[in-house]
Amino acid sequence: MQLAEVMQILKQEQIEFIRFEAPDVNGISRGKMVALANFERVAEKGLAMVSDLLTWDPQADVAWLGTGYAEDITFSDLLFFPDLSTFKVVPWADRTARVLGDLHFYDGRPAMGSSRHVFRHVLDVARDMNYTCRSGHEYEFYILDPETRQPLFGGHQIMTTLKHEAHPILRDIQRHMTRMGIEITTCNTEWGPAQYEINFNATDGMAGADQAFTWKNGLKEIAQQHGLLITLMTKPWIDKSANGSHFHVSLLDAQTGQNVFYSPNSPDGLSDTCRWFIGGQLAHARALAAFMAPTINCYKRYQPNSYAPNSISWGHENRSVGVRIKAWRGKGTHIENRMACGSSNPYLVGAACLAAGLDGIRRQIEPPQPISTNAYKSTNLDRIPSSLEEALEALEQDERLLELLTHEGMQTFIVDKQYEIAKAKAAMPDYGSPEFQARVDAWERDEFMELI
């Protein structure tokens, strides 16, 4: 979309305000509202935004030193340039549009601490290998009373038709997101009380993460308008179902558009490329956990018999493993990485999973035999890290993954997450103990429930 086209839409729709939005390290939308009279100028010349944006935790506390931003560059500004292909009129906001975009230094260099830049870099690597990435994110979320922070109803009402009509917000979410260009497929209740999953179709390239970012942050805005709170916090309560975010991904031939994961001649319908991609997921799984489970709360999700994985494993139509191969074949052949949590940043999930898979293809990493039994009962499988510290340590030792994700971008991510760990340790004296692992602390809910 060209700027002239955007200006015409702004006039036709009588738009008065345009939101310039960028993801922070946690995938939370940060940015500024621009009045219509200034839009054309800042769209061309860039909009100043403080570099601290790339160092904020969910509560916008700053990781001061070591990120490459904030105090490291004397708290200077970066320039936000809009990606006009993401321009949308926001149907739930009054005469408002939005555009996503990217942060750059004033000399034109991309600020690689931005997760959108990291994903773009890996997409470019894939393109150089003649692949297009098709991806989709499958989010679970709770609908809560904002005062009590308790679910709207109790029980375990998974796929109960009556609960599909439990609140008008469910229809509004689907209508509004459809107008935002997100193609809704299904809506159903999940295992937790007032927990839902509304799915939408996968799409190609950056758009896969952009629509997930729009979804996560838009859900919360729509909930506010209904006097509700929606949370995608991974584990709001220790005795209730976690919010997952299964990541669906396939590769297409960049020239023909054919799905390169499919092979009609192999016994299971999977190509060598797909097997090697799976091999990369497993080889880098411990480092991937840092992106799939990026908060200290996330690691309370990986429990046996919870439908969340706790092992580094794969299998066909097996919900107990980390990487599940769906039954679809032909153009629908894809993998589902079940490690991802609701608190994850879709740009970093997409970048990290794609990078791991591309490394698997480059090195032709053969995965072990698929698991055809209940992986929770297996005692000989490697385990997913049990803490964010453990996952970060694995990431820092994974040079191949760091190279593909860029050292600059990963420096920012790692230091940001180390800051979040230190903050949690200061707030909870028994942090990391068995008692801590067996509960969800009120501090965790205060830190994550509203914004993630």
Protein backbone atom coordinates (compact mmCIF):
# COMPACT_ATOMS: atom_id res chain seq x y z
CA MET A 1 0.00 0.00 0.00
CA GLN A 2 1.30 3.44 -0.94
CA LEU A 3 1.00 6.52 1.23
CA ALA A 4 -1.44 8.12 -1.20
CA GLU A 5 -3.76 5.13 -0.85
CA VAL A 6 -3.58 5.35 2.93
CA MET A 7 -4.39 9.05 2.83
CA GLN A 8 -7.45 8.33 0.68
CA ILE A 9 -8.71 5.72 3.17
CA LEU A 10 -8.18 8.13 6.06
CA LYS A 11 -10.35 10.65 4.26
CA GLN A 12 -13.04 8.18 3.27
CA GLU A 13 -13.32 6.67 6.76
CA GLN A 14 -13.12 10.09 8.47
CA ILE A 15 -10.19 8.91 10.57
CA GLU A 16 -8.89 11.43 13.12
CA PHE A 17 -6.14 9.46 14.87
CA ILE A 18 -3.54 6.92 13.75
CA ARG A 19 -1.75 4.66 16.22
CA PHE A 20 1.90 3.88 15.49
CA GLU A 21 2.54 0.51 17.18
CA ALA A 22 5.66 -1.59 17.75
CA PRO A 23 6.18 -4.73 19.85
CA ASP A 24 8.37 -4.63 22.92
CA VAL A 25 10.40 -7.68 23.96
CA ASN A 26 7.29 -9.27 25.49
CA GLY A 27 5.10 -8.61 22.45
CA ILE A 28 3.17 -5.84 24.21
CA SER A 29 2.06 -3.05 21.88
CA ARG A 30 3.94 0.18 22.56
CA GLY A 31 3.78 3.40 20.57
CA LYS A 32 2.14 6.76 20.07
CA MET A 33 -1.11 8.20 18.78
CA VAL A 34 -0.64 10.62 15.88
CA ALA A 35 -3.24 13.23 14.93
CA LEU A 36 -4.36 13.15 11.31
CA ALA A 37 -2.78 16.51 10.49
CA ASN A 38 0.69 15.14 11.31
CA PHE A 39 0.37 11.65 9.84
CA GLU A 40 1.72 12.22 6.34
CA ARG A 41 4.79 14.07 7.63
CA VAL A 42 5.80 11.47 10.25
CA ALA A 43 5.00 8.57 7.91
CA GLU A 44 7.64 9.91 5.52
CA LYS A 45 10.24 11.24 7.96
CA GLY A 46 9.76 8.86 10.89
CA LEU A 47 8.39 9.27 14.40
CA ALA A 48 10.73 9.62 17.37
CA MET A 49 10.31 6.94 20.05
CA VAL A 50 12.49 6.42 23.12
CA SER A 51 14.93 3.54 22.75
CA ASP A 52 13.98 2.35 26.25
CA LEU A 53 10.97 0.70 24.59
CA LEU A 54 13.26 -2.21 23.70
CA THR A 55 14.32 -2.69 27.33
CA TRP A 56 10.99 -2.59 29.17
CA ASP A 57 9.54 -5.43 31.18
CA PRO A 58 5.73 -5.83 31.20
CA GLN A 59 5.37 -2.97 33.70
CA ALA A 60 7.73 -0.74 31.67
CA ASP A 61 10.54 -0.95 34.20
CA VAL A 62 13.87 -0.43 32.42
CA ALA A 63 16.75 -2.86 32.10
CA TRP A 64 19.28 -0.05 32.33
CA LEU A 65 22.60 -1.41 31.09
CA GLY A 66 23.81 -4.01 28.62
CA THR A 67 20.90 -4.12 26.17
CA GLY A 68 22.45 -1.84 23.56
CA TYR A 69 19.71 0.73 24.22
CA ALA A 70 18.46 2.89 27.13
CA GLU A 71 21.44 4.01 29.24
CA ASP A 72 23.88 2.36 26.82
CA ILE A 73 23.00 5.07 24.28
CA THR A 74 22.16 7.81 26.83
CA PHE A 75 18.41 7.15 26.54
CA SER A 76 18.35 8.58 23.02
CA ASP A 77 15.46 8.25 20.60
CA LEU A 78 15.01 5.85 17.73
CA LEU A 79 12.95 6.54 14.62
CA PHE A 80 9.79 4.56 13.95
CA PHE A 81 8.98 4.04 10.27
CA PRO A 82 5.54 2.62 9.47
CA ASP A 83 5.05 -0.51 7.40
CA LEU A 84 2.09 0.68 5.36
CA SER A 85 1.14 -2.88 4.41
CA THR A 86 -0.09 -3.23 8.01
CA PHE A 87 -2.38 -0.19 7.89
CA LYS A 88 -5.87 -0.97 9.22
CA VAL A 89 -8.89 0.97 10.39
CA VAL A 90 -9.49 -0.23 13.97
CA PRO A 91 -13.16 -1.29 14.09
CA TRP A 92 -13.47 -1.20 17.89
CA ALA A 93 -11.96 2.30 18.27
CA ASP A 94 -13.52 5.67 17.45
CA ARG A 95 -12.30 7.07 14.11
CA THR A 96 -8.92 5.44 14.66
CA ALA A 97 -6.51 3.56 12.42
CA ARG A 98 -3.26 1.82 13.22
CA VAL A 99 -0.02 0.95 11.49
CA LEU A 100 2.77 -1.33 12.66
CA GLY A 101 6.36 -0.53 11.98
CA ASP A 102 10.04 -0.76 12.77
CA LEU A 103 12.60 1.12 14.83
CA HIS A 104 15.84 2.47 13.35
CA PHE A 105 18.78 4.52 14.54
CA TYR A 106 18.96 8.01 13.10
CA ASP A 107 21.73 6.89 10.74
CA GLY A 108 19.33 4.40 9.17
CA ARG A 109 20.56 1.19 10.84
CA PRO A 110 17.81 -1.16 12.00
CA ALA A 111 17.53 -1.43 15.78
CA MET A 112 17.92 -5.19 15.94
CA GLY A 113 16.72 -5.30 19.54
CA SER A 114 13.26 -5.01 17.97
CA SER A 115 11.70 -8.46 17.62
CA ARG A 116 10.07 -7.53 14.31
CA HIS A 117 13.53 -6.90 12.84
CA VAL A 118 14.75 -10.25 14.20
CA PHE A 119 11.91 -12.12 12.51
CA ARG A 120 12.50 -10.25 9.25
CA HIS A 121 16.17 -11.22 9.33
CA VAL A 122 15.33 -14.92 9.63
CA LEU A 123 12.64 -14.62 6.94
CA ASP A 124 15.36 -13.21 4.67
CA VAL A 125 17.58 -16.21 5.44
CA ALA A 126 14.69 -18.49 4.50
CA ARG A 127 14.12 -16.56 1.28
CA ASP A 128 17.80 -16.95 0.38
CA MET A 129 17.26 -20.70 0.79
CA ASN A 130 14.21 -20.39 -1.54
CA TYR A 131 11.62 -20.82 1.22
CA THR A 132 8.57 -18.84 2.27
CA CYS A 133 7.47 -19.35 5.85
CA ARG A 134 3.75 -19.91 6.48
CA SER A 135 2.80 -19.67 10.15
CA GLY A 136 -0.09 -19.35 12.56
CA HIS A 137 -0.45 -18.97 16.32
CA GLU A 138 -3.14 -20.75 18.34
CA TYR A 139 -3.84 -18.79 21.53
CA GLU A 140 -5.79 -19.74 24.64
CA PHE A 141 -7.09 -17.01 26.96
CA TYR A 142 -9.20 -16.45 30.07
CA ILE A 143 -12.11 -13.99 30.34
CA LEU A 144 -12.09 -12.46 33.81
CA ASP A 145 -13.94 -10.01 36.02
CA PRO A 146 -11.49 -7.06 36.21
CA GLU A 147 -12.23 -6.38 39.89
CA THR A 148 -11.96 -9.90 41.29
CA ARG A 149 -9.65 -11.21 38.53
CA GLN A 150 -11.65 -14.43 38.61
CA PRO A 151 -13.12 -16.31 35.62
CA LEU A 152 -16.65 -15.43 34.51
CA PHE A 153 -17.79 -18.99 35.23
CA GLY A 154 -16.38 -22.11 36.85
CA GLY A 155 -15.96 -25.74 35.92
CA HIS A 156 -14.28 -27.52 33.03
CA GLN A 157 -16.60 -26.82 30.13
CA ILE A 158 -14.38 -27.66 27.15
CA MET A 159 -16.24 -27.54 23.84
CA THR A 160 -19.59 -27.04 25.60
CA THR A 161 -21.90 -25.39 23.08
CA LEU A 162 -23.85 -23.53 25.76
CA LYS A 163 -20.69 -21.70 26.81
CA HIS A 164 -20.05 -20.48 23.25
CA GLU A 165 -22.76 -17.92 23.98
CA ALA A 166 -21.56 -17.13 27.51
CA HIS A 167 -20.87 -13.47 26.73
CA PRO A 168 -21.39 -11.08 23.76
CA ILE A 169 -17.64 -10.41 23.70
CA LEU A 170 -17.08 -13.72 21.92
CA ARG A 171 -19.04 -12.59 18.87
CA ASP A 172 -17.53 -9.10 18.99
CA ILE A 173 -14.00 -10.53 18.99
CA GLN A 174 -14.72 -12.57 15.89
CA ARG A 175 -16.48 -9.73 14.05
CA HIS A 176 -13.85 -7.10 14.88
CA MET A 177 -10.89 -9.33 14.06
CA THR A 178 -12.46 -10.34 10.75
CA ARG A 179 -12.66 -6.63 9.87
CA MET A 180 -8.96 -6.38 10.75
CA GLY A 181 -8.27 -8.95 8.03
CA ILE A 182 -7.82 -11.96 10.31
CA GLU A 183 -9.64 -15.00 8.95
CA ILE A 184 -11.39 -16.69 11.88
CA THR A 185 -11.84 -20.46 11.73
CA THR A 186 -13.23 -21.79 15.03
CA CYS A 187 -14.26 -20.79 18.56
CA ASN A 188 -14.56 -23.11 21.55
CA THR A 189 -14.22 -23.28 25.31
CA GLU A 190 -11.03 -24.81 26.70
CA TRP A 191 -10.20 -26.83 29.84
CA GLY A 192 -10.10 -23.89 32.24
CA PRO A 193 -13.11 -21.98 33.59
CA ALA A 194 -14.06 -19.22 31.13
CA GLN A 195 -11.01 -20.19 29.07
CA TYR A 196 -11.40 -19.96 25.30
CA GLU A 197 -9.59 -20.62 22.08
CA ILE A 198 -10.56 -18.73 18.92
CA ASN A 199 -8.44 -19.83 15.99
CA PHE A 200 -7.51 -18.07 12.78
CA ASN A 201 -5.79 -19.06 9.56
CA ALA A 202 -2.06 -19.07 9.02
CA THR A 203 -0.49 -16.63 6.60
CA ASP A 204 2.88 -15.99 4.97
CA GLY A 205 5.98 -14.11 6.03
CA MET A 206 5.82 -11.22 8.48
CA ALA A 207 2.02 -11.22 8.31
CA GLY A 208 1.95 -14.43 10.38
CA ALA A 209 3.42 -12.64 13.41
CA ASP A 210 1.72 -9.31 12.66
CA GLN A 211 -1.75 -10.84 12.87
CA ALA A 212 -0.84 -12.68 16.09
CA PHE A 213 0.39 -9.38 17.58
CA THR A 214 -2.83 -7.69 16.48
CA TRP A 215 -4.84 -10.54 18.00
CA LYS A 216 -3.15 -10.59 21.42
CA ASN A 217 -3.30 -6.85 21.99
CA GLY A 218 -6.69 -6.38 20.34
CA LEU A 219 -8.33 -8.97 22.59
CA LYS A 220 -7.45 -6.87 25.61
CA GLU A 221 -8.81 -3.66 24.13
CA ILE A 222 -12.09 -5.30 23.17
CA ALA A 223 -12.36 -6.78 26.67
CA GLN A 224 -11.91 -3.34 28.25
CA GLN A 225 -14.84 -2.03 26.21
CA HIS A 226 -16.98 -4.83 27.65
CA GLY A 227 -15.86 -4.11 31.21
CA LEU A 228 -13.83 -7.33 31.27
CA LEU A 229 -10.22 -8.46 31.50
CA ILE A 230 -8.74 -10.96 29.06
CA THR A 231 -5.42 -12.51 29.98
CA LEU A 232 -3.01 -14.66 28.01
CA MET A 233 -0.70 -14.96 31.01
CA THR A 234 0.64 -18.50 30.78
CA LYS A 235 -0.28 -19.84 34.23
CA PRO A 236 -2.66 -17.54 36.14
CA TRP A 237 -3.48 -20.22 38.74
CA ILE A 238 -1.52 -23.32 39.68
CA ASP A 239 -4.62 -25.56 39.80
CA LYS A 240 -6.17 -24.41 36.52
CA SER A 241 -5.30 -24.96 32.88
CA ALA A 242 -2.44 -22.92 31.44
CA ASN A 243 -2.72 -20.67 28.40
CA GLY A 244 -0.76 -22.19 25.56
CA SER A 245 0.08 -20.79 22.14
CA HIS A 246 0.77 -23.69 19.79
CA PHE A 247 2.82 -22.54 16.82
CA HIS A 248 1.93 -23.96 13.40
CA VAL A 249 4.53 -23.67 10.65
CA SER A 250 5.32 -24.95 7.18
CA LEU A 251 7.68 -23.99 4.37
CA LEU A 252 6.68 -23.24 0.80
CA ASP A 253 8.85 -23.20 -2.29
CA ALA A 254 9.38 -19.46 -2.83
CA GLN A 255 9.07 -19.85 -6.60
CA THR A 256 6.18 -22.28 -7.00
CA GLY A 257 4.31 -21.90 -3.71
CA GLN A 258 4.31 -25.67 -3.23
CA ASN A 259 4.47 -27.04 0.32
CA VAL A 260 7.96 -28.53 0.66
CA PHE A 261 7.06 -30.44 3.84
CA TYR A 262 4.89 -32.85 1.84
CA SER A 263 6.13 -35.91 -0.02
CA PRO A 264 3.52 -38.26 -1.54
CA ASN A 265 6.22 -40.93 -1.89
CA SER A 266 7.25 -41.25 1.76
CA PRO A 267 5.40 -43.62 4.13
CA ASP A 268 4.26 -40.82 6.44
CA GLY A 269 3.86 -38.16 3.75
CA LEU A 270 6.72 -36.06 5.12
CA SER A 271 9.63 -34.90 2.97
CA ASP A 272 13.29 -34.98 3.95
CA THR A 273 13.04 -31.20 4.35
CA CYS A 274 10.25 -31.59 6.90
CA ARG A 275 12.13 -34.27 8.84
CA TRP A 276 15.25 -32.11 8.99
CA PHE A 277 13.14 -29.13 10.08
CA ILE A 278 11.78 -31.28 12.92
CA GLY A 279 15.33 -32.35 13.72
CA GLY A 280 16.28 -28.68 14.08
CA GLN A 281 13.35 -28.04 16.43
CA LEU A 282 14.50 -30.84 18.71
CA ALA A 283 18.23 -30.06 18.49
CA HIS A 284 17.61 -26.46 19.58
CA ALA A 285 14.62 -27.12 21.86
CA ARG A 286 16.32 -26.16 25.11
CA ALA A 287 17.33 -22.78 23.69
CA LEU A 288 13.94 -22.34 22.00
CA ALA A 289 12.32 -22.53 25.44
CA ALA A 290 13.60 -19.02 26.19
CA PHE A 291 11.31 -17.68 23.46
CA MET A 292 8.46 -20.15 23.83
CA ALA A 293 8.31 -19.63 27.61
CA PRO A 294 9.76 -16.14 28.13
CA THR A 295 8.51 -15.35 31.65
CA ILE A 296 9.34 -16.85 35.04
CA ASN A 297 5.69 -17.93 35.28
CA CYS A 298 5.71 -19.98 32.06
CA TYR A 299 7.66 -22.93 33.43
CA LYS A 300 4.79 -23.87 35.74
CA ARG A 301 2.94 -24.93 32.57
CA TYR A 302 5.19 -27.84 31.59
CA GLN A 303 3.53 -30.47 33.77
CA PRO A 304 2.82 -34.18 33.09
CA ASN A 305 -0.68 -35.07 31.90
CA SER A 306 -1.55 -31.42 31.32
CA TYR A 307 -1.70 -31.42 27.50
CA ALA A 308 1.34 -29.15 27.71
CA PRO A 309 4.60 -30.89 26.77
CA ASN A 310 7.36 -31.54 29.27
CA SER A 311 9.75 -33.47 27.00
CA ILE A 312 11.81 -32.77 23.88
CA SER A 313 9.95 -35.12 21.59
CA TRP A 314 7.85 -35.41 18.47
CA GLY A 315 5.12 -37.61 17.07
CA HIS A 316 2.19 -37.92 14.71
CA GLU A 317 -1.12 -36.63 16.13
CA ASN A 318 0.28 -37.00 19.63
CA ARG A 319 -0.71 -34.32 22.16
CA SER A 320 1.80 -35.47 24.77
CA VAL A 321 4.90 -34.48 22.75
CA GLY A 322 6.66 -31.18 22.14
CA VAL A 323 6.37 -31.20 18.34
CA ARG A 324 3.18 -32.66 16.92
CA ILE A 325 2.71 -33.52 13.25
CA LYS A 326 -0.86 -32.84 12.24
CA ALA A 327 -2.66 -35.38 10.07
CA TRP A 328 -3.14 -32.99 7.15
CA ARG A 329 -1.11 -33.77 4.04
CA GLY A 330 -0.73 -32.11 0.67
CA LYS A 331 -0.69 -28.33 0.86
CA GLY A 332 -1.78 -28.48 4.53
CA THR A 333 1.27 -30.42 5.74
CA HIS A 334 2.77 -28.61 8.72
CA ILE A 335 4.18 -29.04 12.20
CA GLU A 336 2.77 -27.78 15.50
CA ASN A 337 5.32 -26.77 18.09
CA ARG A 338 3.42 -27.17 21.36
CA MET A 339 6.08 -25.60 23.59
CA ALA A 340 4.90 -22.03 23.02
CA CYS A 341 3.05 -20.32 25.89
CA GLY A 342 0.40 -17.62 25.87
CA SER A 343 2.92 -15.11 27.23
CA SER A 344 5.22 -15.49 24.22
CA ASN A 345 6.09 -12.79 21.69
CA PRO A 346 4.89 -14.05 18.26
CA TYR A 347 7.77 -12.41 16.39
CA LEU A 348 10.38 -14.16 18.52
CA VAL A 349 8.52 -17.49 18.45
CA GLY A 350 8.37 -17.28 14.66
CA ALA A 351 11.99 -16.21 14.32
CA ALA A 352 13.39 -18.82 16.71
CA CYS A 353 11.38 -21.78 15.39
CA LEU A 354 12.13 -20.87 11.80
CA ALA A 355 15.84 -20.41 12.57
CA ALA A 356 16.01 -23.79 14.33
CA GLY A 357 14.27 -25.48 11.43
CA LEU A 358 16.49 -23.85 8.81
CA ASP A 359 19.57 -24.98 10.71
CA GLY A 360 18.09 -28.49 10.76
CA ILE A 361 17.69 -28.36 6.97
CA ARG A 362 21.19 -26.98 6.40
CA ARG A 363 22.78 -29.69 8.52
CA GLN A 364 20.27 -32.40 7.56
CA ILE A 365 19.54 -33.19 11.20
CA GLU A 366 17.62 -36.46 11.41
CA PRO A 367 15.14 -36.59 14.27
CA PRO A 368 14.79 -39.75 16.39
CA GLN A 369 11.88 -42.07 15.80
CA PRO A 370 8.52 -40.40 16.52
CA ILE A 371 6.87 -41.14 19.85
CA SER A 372 3.75 -43.27 19.37
CA THR A 373 2.89 -43.66 23.07
CA ASN A 374 2.18 -41.30 25.96
CA ALA A 375 5.36 -39.23 26.22
CA TYR A 376 4.52 -38.25 29.79
CA LYS A 377 5.21 -41.86 30.82
CA SER A 378 8.59 -42.05 29.09
CA THR A 379 11.62 -41.83 31.35
CA ASN A 380 14.30 -41.71 28.66
CA LEU A 381 13.37 -38.41 26.99
CA ASP A 382 15.25 -35.15 27.48
CA ARG A 383 13.18 -32.58 29.32
CA ILE A 384 12.22 -29.02 28.50
CA PRO A 385 14.07 -26.57 30.79
CA SER A 386 12.42 -26.10 34.18
CA SER A 387 13.16 -22.37 34.52
CA LEU A 388 13.82 -19.26 32.46
CA GLU A 389 17.39 -19.20 33.78
CA GLU A 390 18.00 -22.69 32.46
CA ALA A 391 16.56 -21.78 29.07
CA LEU A 392 18.63 -18.59 28.82
CA GLU A 393 21.78 -20.54 29.66
CA ALA A 394 20.97 -22.98 26.85
CA LEU A 395 20.41 -20.07 24.47
CA GLU A 396 23.71 -18.42 25.36
CA GLN A 397 25.49 -21.69 24.56
CA ASP A 398 23.67 -22.22 21.24
CA GLU A 399 25.96 -20.37 18.85
CA ARG A 400 24.20 -21.54 15.68
CA LEU A 401 20.86 -20.19 16.87
CA LEU A 402 22.38 -16.95 18.13
CA GLU A 403 23.99 -16.38 14.75
CA LEU A 404 20.73 -16.89 12.86
CA LEU A 405 18.79 -14.66 15.26
CA THR A 406 21.58 -12.00 15.28
CA HIS A 407 23.86 -11.40 18.23
CA GLU A 408 22.66 -7.81 18.54
CA GLY A 409 19.03 -8.82 18.87
CA MET A 410 19.82 -11.63 21.28
CA GLN A 411 21.96 -9.39 23.49
CA THR A 412 18.92 -7.19 24.05
CA PHE A 413 16.61 -10.15 24.66
CA ILE A 414 18.91 -11.95 27.09
CA VAL A 415 19.71 -8.87 29.18
CA ASP A 416 16.03 -7.90 29.29
CA LYS A 417 15.11 -11.37 30.56
CA GLN A 418 17.92 -11.43 33.10
CA TYR A 419 16.55 -8.15 34.45
CA GLU A 420 13.08 -9.68 34.75
CA ILE A 421 14.50 -12.67 36.65
CA ALA A 422 16.36 -10.37 39.08
CA LYS A 423 13.17 -8.39 39.65
CA ALA A 424 11.24 -11.59 40.44
CA LYS A 425 13.94 -12.79 42.82
CA ALA A 426 13.82 -9.49 44.70
CA ALA A 427 10.04 -9.66 44.99
CA MET A 428 9.72 -13.30 46.12
CA PRO A 429 12.26 -14.53 48.70
CA ASP A 430 11.55 -18.21 47.95
CA TYR A 431 11.92 -17.77 44.19
CA GLY A 432 13.02 -21.00 42.53
CA SER A 433 12.17 -23.22 45.49
CA PRO A 434 9.79 -26.21 45.30
CA GLU A 435 7.23 -24.09 47.15
CA PHE A 436 7.52 -21.35 44.53
CA GLN A 437 7.09 -23.87 41.72
CA ALA A 438 3.96 -25.25 43.41
CA ARG A 439 2.06 -21.96 43.46
CA VAL A 440 1.35 -18.88 41.38
CA ASP A 441 2.30 -15.89 43.49
CA ALA A 442 0.16 -12.75 43.63
CA TRP A 443 3.25 -10.87 42.37
CA GLU A 444 3.15 -12.91 39.17
CA ARG A 445 -0.47 -12.02 38.55
CA ASP A 446 0.20 -8.33 39.22
CA GLU A 447 3.17 -8.43 36.82
CA PHE A 448 1.67 -10.38 33.93
CA MET A 449 -2.11 -10.75 34.10
CA GLU A 450 -3.27 -7.41 32.67
CA LEU A 451 -0.76 -6.64 29.93
CA ILE A 452 0.32 -10.07 28.63
